[in-house]
N, C-alpha and C. Protein backbone atom coordinates (compact mmCIF):
# COMPACT_ATOMS: atom_id res chain seq x y z
N MET A 1 37.50 -100.50 8.81
CA MET A 1 38.91 -100.73 8.99
C MET A 1 39.13 -102.24 8.87
N THR A 2 40.21 -102.62 8.26
CA THR A 2 40.48 -104.04 8.06
C THR A 2 41.97 -104.33 8.18
N ASP A 3 42.24 -105.58 8.47
CA ASP A 3 43.64 -106.02 8.47
C ASP A 3 43.87 -106.96 7.29
N GLY A 4 42.94 -106.99 6.37
CA GLY A 4 43.04 -107.87 5.22
C GLY A 4 42.21 -109.13 5.40
N GLU A 5 41.82 -109.42 6.62
CA GLU A 5 41.04 -110.61 6.89
C GLU A 5 39.78 -110.28 7.68
N THR A 6 39.94 -109.48 8.71
CA THR A 6 38.83 -109.13 9.58
C THR A 6 38.46 -107.67 9.38
N ASN A 7 37.16 -107.40 9.23
CA ASN A 7 36.68 -106.04 9.08
C ASN A 7 36.07 -105.55 10.39
N VAL A 8 36.36 -104.30 10.73
CA VAL A 8 35.84 -103.71 11.95
C VAL A 8 35.33 -102.32 11.61
N THR A 9 34.16 -101.97 12.15
CA THR A 9 33.67 -100.60 11.98
C THR A 9 34.19 -99.76 13.13
N VAL A 10 34.50 -98.53 12.83
CA VAL A 10 35.01 -97.61 13.85
C VAL A 10 33.82 -97.17 14.69
N PRO A 11 33.93 -97.25 16.03
CA PRO A 11 32.82 -96.82 16.88
C PRO A 11 32.49 -95.34 16.66
N ARG A 12 31.24 -94.98 16.89
CA ARG A 12 30.80 -93.60 16.68
C ARG A 12 31.50 -92.61 17.60
N ALA A 13 31.88 -93.08 18.76
CA ALA A 13 32.53 -92.20 19.72
C ALA A 13 33.95 -91.83 19.29
N GLU A 14 34.52 -92.59 18.37
CA GLU A 14 35.89 -92.36 17.93
C GLU A 14 35.90 -91.95 16.46
N THR A 15 36.92 -91.19 16.10
CA THR A 15 37.09 -90.82 14.70
C THR A 15 38.32 -91.55 14.15
N VAL A 16 38.38 -91.67 12.85
CA VAL A 16 39.50 -92.37 12.23
C VAL A 16 40.81 -91.65 12.50
N GLU A 17 40.75 -90.32 12.51
CA GLU A 17 41.97 -89.54 12.74
C GLU A 17 42.52 -89.73 14.15
N ASP A 18 41.63 -89.91 15.14
CA ASP A 18 42.06 -90.06 16.53
C ASP A 18 42.40 -91.50 16.90
N LEU A 19 42.14 -92.43 16.02
CA LEU A 19 42.37 -93.84 16.30
C LEU A 19 43.86 -94.16 16.23
N THR A 20 44.39 -94.77 17.28
CA THR A 20 45.81 -95.15 17.30
C THR A 20 45.95 -96.59 16.80
N ALA A 21 47.15 -96.96 16.50
CA ALA A 21 47.41 -98.32 16.01
C ALA A 21 47.09 -99.34 17.09
N GLU A 22 47.41 -99.02 18.34
CA GLU A 22 47.14 -99.94 19.44
C GLU A 22 45.64 -100.18 19.60
N ARG A 23 44.88 -99.08 19.51
CA ARG A 23 43.41 -99.20 19.64
C ARG A 23 42.83 -99.99 18.46
N ALA A 24 43.38 -99.79 17.28
CA ALA A 24 42.92 -100.54 16.11
C ALA A 24 43.18 -102.03 16.29
N TYR A 25 44.34 -102.37 16.82
CA TYR A 25 44.64 -103.78 17.07
C TYR A 25 43.69 -104.37 18.10
N GLU A 26 43.34 -103.57 19.12
CA GLU A 26 42.39 -104.04 20.13
C GLU A 26 41.02 -104.31 19.51
N LEU A 27 40.55 -103.40 18.66
CA LEU A 27 39.24 -103.58 18.01
C LEU A 27 39.24 -104.83 17.13
N LEU A 28 40.33 -105.02 16.39
CA LEU A 28 40.43 -106.20 15.53
C LEU A 28 40.46 -107.49 16.36
N ALA A 29 41.20 -107.47 17.48
CA ALA A 29 41.29 -108.66 18.33
C ALA A 29 39.94 -108.97 18.96
N ASP A 30 39.21 -107.93 19.38
CA ASP A 30 37.89 -108.14 19.97
C ASP A 30 36.93 -108.75 18.94
N LYS A 31 37.02 -108.26 17.74
CA LYS A 31 36.15 -108.76 16.66
C LYS A 31 36.47 -110.22 16.36
N ARG A 32 37.75 -110.56 16.31
CA ARG A 32 38.14 -111.95 16.03
C ARG A 32 37.71 -112.87 17.17
N ALA A 33 37.75 -112.38 18.41
CA ALA A 33 37.37 -113.18 19.57
C ALA A 33 35.87 -113.49 19.56
N LYS A 34 35.10 -112.57 19.02
CA LYS A 34 33.65 -112.80 18.95
C LYS A 34 33.30 -113.94 18.02
N GLY A 35 34.07 -114.11 16.98
CA GLY A 35 33.78 -115.16 16.01
C GLY A 35 32.88 -114.62 14.91
N PRO A 36 32.53 -115.48 13.99
CA PRO A 36 31.71 -115.02 12.86
C PRO A 36 30.30 -114.68 13.31
N ALA A 37 29.70 -113.77 12.61
CA ALA A 37 28.33 -113.37 12.92
C ALA A 37 27.39 -114.49 12.52
N PRO A 38 26.35 -114.70 13.31
CA PRO A 38 25.40 -115.77 12.95
C PRO A 38 24.66 -115.40 11.67
N LYS A 39 24.38 -116.42 10.88
CA LYS A 39 23.70 -116.18 9.61
C LYS A 39 22.25 -115.82 9.90
N ARG A 40 21.76 -114.89 9.11
CA ARG A 40 20.37 -114.45 9.28
C ARG A 40 19.45 -115.47 8.63
N THR A 41 18.42 -115.80 9.35
CA THR A 41 17.42 -116.70 8.78
C THR A 41 16.17 -115.89 8.48
N ARG A 42 15.60 -116.19 7.35
CA ARG A 42 14.38 -115.49 6.96
C ARG A 42 13.19 -116.19 7.59
N LYS A 43 12.34 -115.39 8.15
CA LYS A 43 11.11 -115.94 8.70
C LYS A 43 10.13 -116.10 7.55
N THR A 44 9.53 -117.25 7.49
CA THR A 44 8.57 -117.47 6.42
C THR A 44 7.29 -116.75 6.78
N ALA A 45 6.79 -116.02 5.83
CA ALA A 45 5.57 -115.26 6.06
C ALA A 45 4.39 -116.24 6.12
N THR A 46 3.60 -116.07 7.14
CA THR A 46 2.44 -116.94 7.26
C THR A 46 1.37 -116.43 6.31
N LYS A 47 0.86 -117.34 5.50
CA LYS A 47 -0.14 -116.96 4.53
C LYS A 47 -1.49 -116.88 5.22
N LYS A 48 -2.17 -115.81 4.93
CA LYS A 48 -3.50 -115.64 5.49
C LYS A 48 -4.48 -116.41 4.63
N THR A 49 -5.34 -117.13 5.28
CA THR A 49 -6.34 -117.85 4.52
C THR A 49 -7.52 -116.91 4.34
N THR A 50 -7.73 -116.51 3.12
CA THR A 50 -8.82 -115.59 2.84
C THR A 50 -9.88 -116.32 2.05
N THR A 51 -11.09 -116.05 2.39
CA THR A 51 -12.18 -116.65 1.65
C THR A 51 -12.54 -115.71 0.53
N LYS A 52 -12.60 -116.27 -0.65
CA LYS A 52 -12.91 -115.45 -1.80
C LYS A 52 -14.41 -115.27 -1.88
N LYS A 53 -14.79 -114.03 -2.02
CA LYS A 53 -16.20 -113.73 -2.16
C LYS A 53 -16.51 -113.72 -3.65
N THR A 54 -17.59 -114.39 -3.98
CA THR A 54 -17.96 -114.40 -5.38
C THR A 54 -18.61 -113.08 -5.70
N ALA A 55 -18.06 -112.41 -6.65
CA ALA A 55 -18.58 -111.10 -7.02
C ALA A 55 -19.89 -111.28 -7.77
N ALA A 56 -20.84 -110.49 -7.41
CA ALA A 56 -22.13 -110.56 -8.08
C ALA A 56 -21.94 -110.09 -9.51
N LYS A 57 -22.45 -110.89 -10.41
CA LYS A 57 -22.28 -110.53 -11.82
C LYS A 57 -23.26 -109.43 -12.16
N LYS A 58 -22.72 -108.41 -12.75
CA LYS A 58 -23.56 -107.29 -13.16
C LYS A 58 -24.02 -107.56 -14.58
N THR A 59 -25.30 -107.46 -14.76
CA THR A 59 -25.81 -107.64 -16.11
C THR A 59 -25.91 -106.27 -16.74
N THR A 60 -25.23 -106.12 -17.82
CA THR A 60 -25.26 -104.84 -18.51
C THR A 60 -26.22 -104.95 -19.67
N ALA A 61 -27.05 -103.97 -19.78
CA ALA A 61 -28.02 -103.96 -20.87
C ALA A 61 -27.28 -103.66 -22.16
N LYS A 62 -27.51 -104.49 -23.14
CA LYS A 62 -26.84 -104.28 -24.41
C LYS A 62 -27.61 -103.24 -25.19
N LYS A 63 -26.87 -102.31 -25.69
CA LYS A 63 -27.49 -101.28 -26.49
C LYS A 63 -27.56 -101.78 -27.93
N THR A 64 -28.72 -101.61 -28.51
CA THR A 64 -28.85 -102.02 -29.91
C THR A 64 -28.32 -100.89 -30.75
N ALA A 65 -27.47 -101.23 -31.62
CA ALA A 65 -26.85 -100.22 -32.47
C ALA A 65 -27.83 -99.85 -33.57
N THR A 66 -28.10 -98.59 -33.65
CA THR A 66 -28.98 -98.13 -34.71
C THR A 66 -28.13 -97.56 -35.81
N LYS A 67 -28.36 -98.09 -37.00
CA LYS A 67 -27.57 -97.64 -38.13
C LYS A 67 -28.31 -96.50 -38.80
N LYS A 68 -27.56 -95.48 -39.09
CA LYS A 68 -28.15 -94.36 -39.81
C LYS A 68 -28.12 -94.69 -41.29
N ALA A 69 -29.21 -94.45 -41.92
CA ALA A 69 -29.29 -94.74 -43.34
C ALA A 69 -28.47 -93.71 -44.08
N ALA A 70 -27.62 -94.18 -44.95
CA ALA A 70 -26.77 -93.27 -45.70
C ALA A 70 -27.65 -92.59 -46.75
N THR A 71 -27.67 -91.34 -46.69
CA THR A 71 -28.50 -90.60 -47.65
C THR A 71 -27.60 -90.00 -48.69
N LYS A 72 -28.07 -90.12 -49.92
CA LYS A 72 -27.31 -89.53 -51.02
C LYS A 72 -27.94 -88.22 -51.35
N LYS A 73 -27.10 -87.26 -51.48
CA LYS A 73 -27.60 -85.93 -51.83
C LYS A 73 -27.48 -85.75 -53.32
N ASP A 74 -28.55 -85.34 -53.92
CA ASP A 74 -28.52 -85.04 -55.36
C ASP A 74 -28.12 -83.58 -55.54
N SER A 75 -27.10 -83.34 -56.26
CA SER A 75 -26.69 -81.97 -56.47
C SER A 75 -26.97 -81.52 -57.87
């Protein structure tokens, strides 16, 4: 609900249909009296210092490629 300047949410206990003009003015006045909401500040995430483990290098045996001799068939 708004008056063009201040926005107010309708409480859960009340419905929009049951809300009177007087009650709406009260909610708007209460909201204005509170003042602006404080700005949210982001907390900086603390970086974990991790020690990098050197991965053991795996030696892979190289397979020697064996070439098949191309055979010509005499027909």
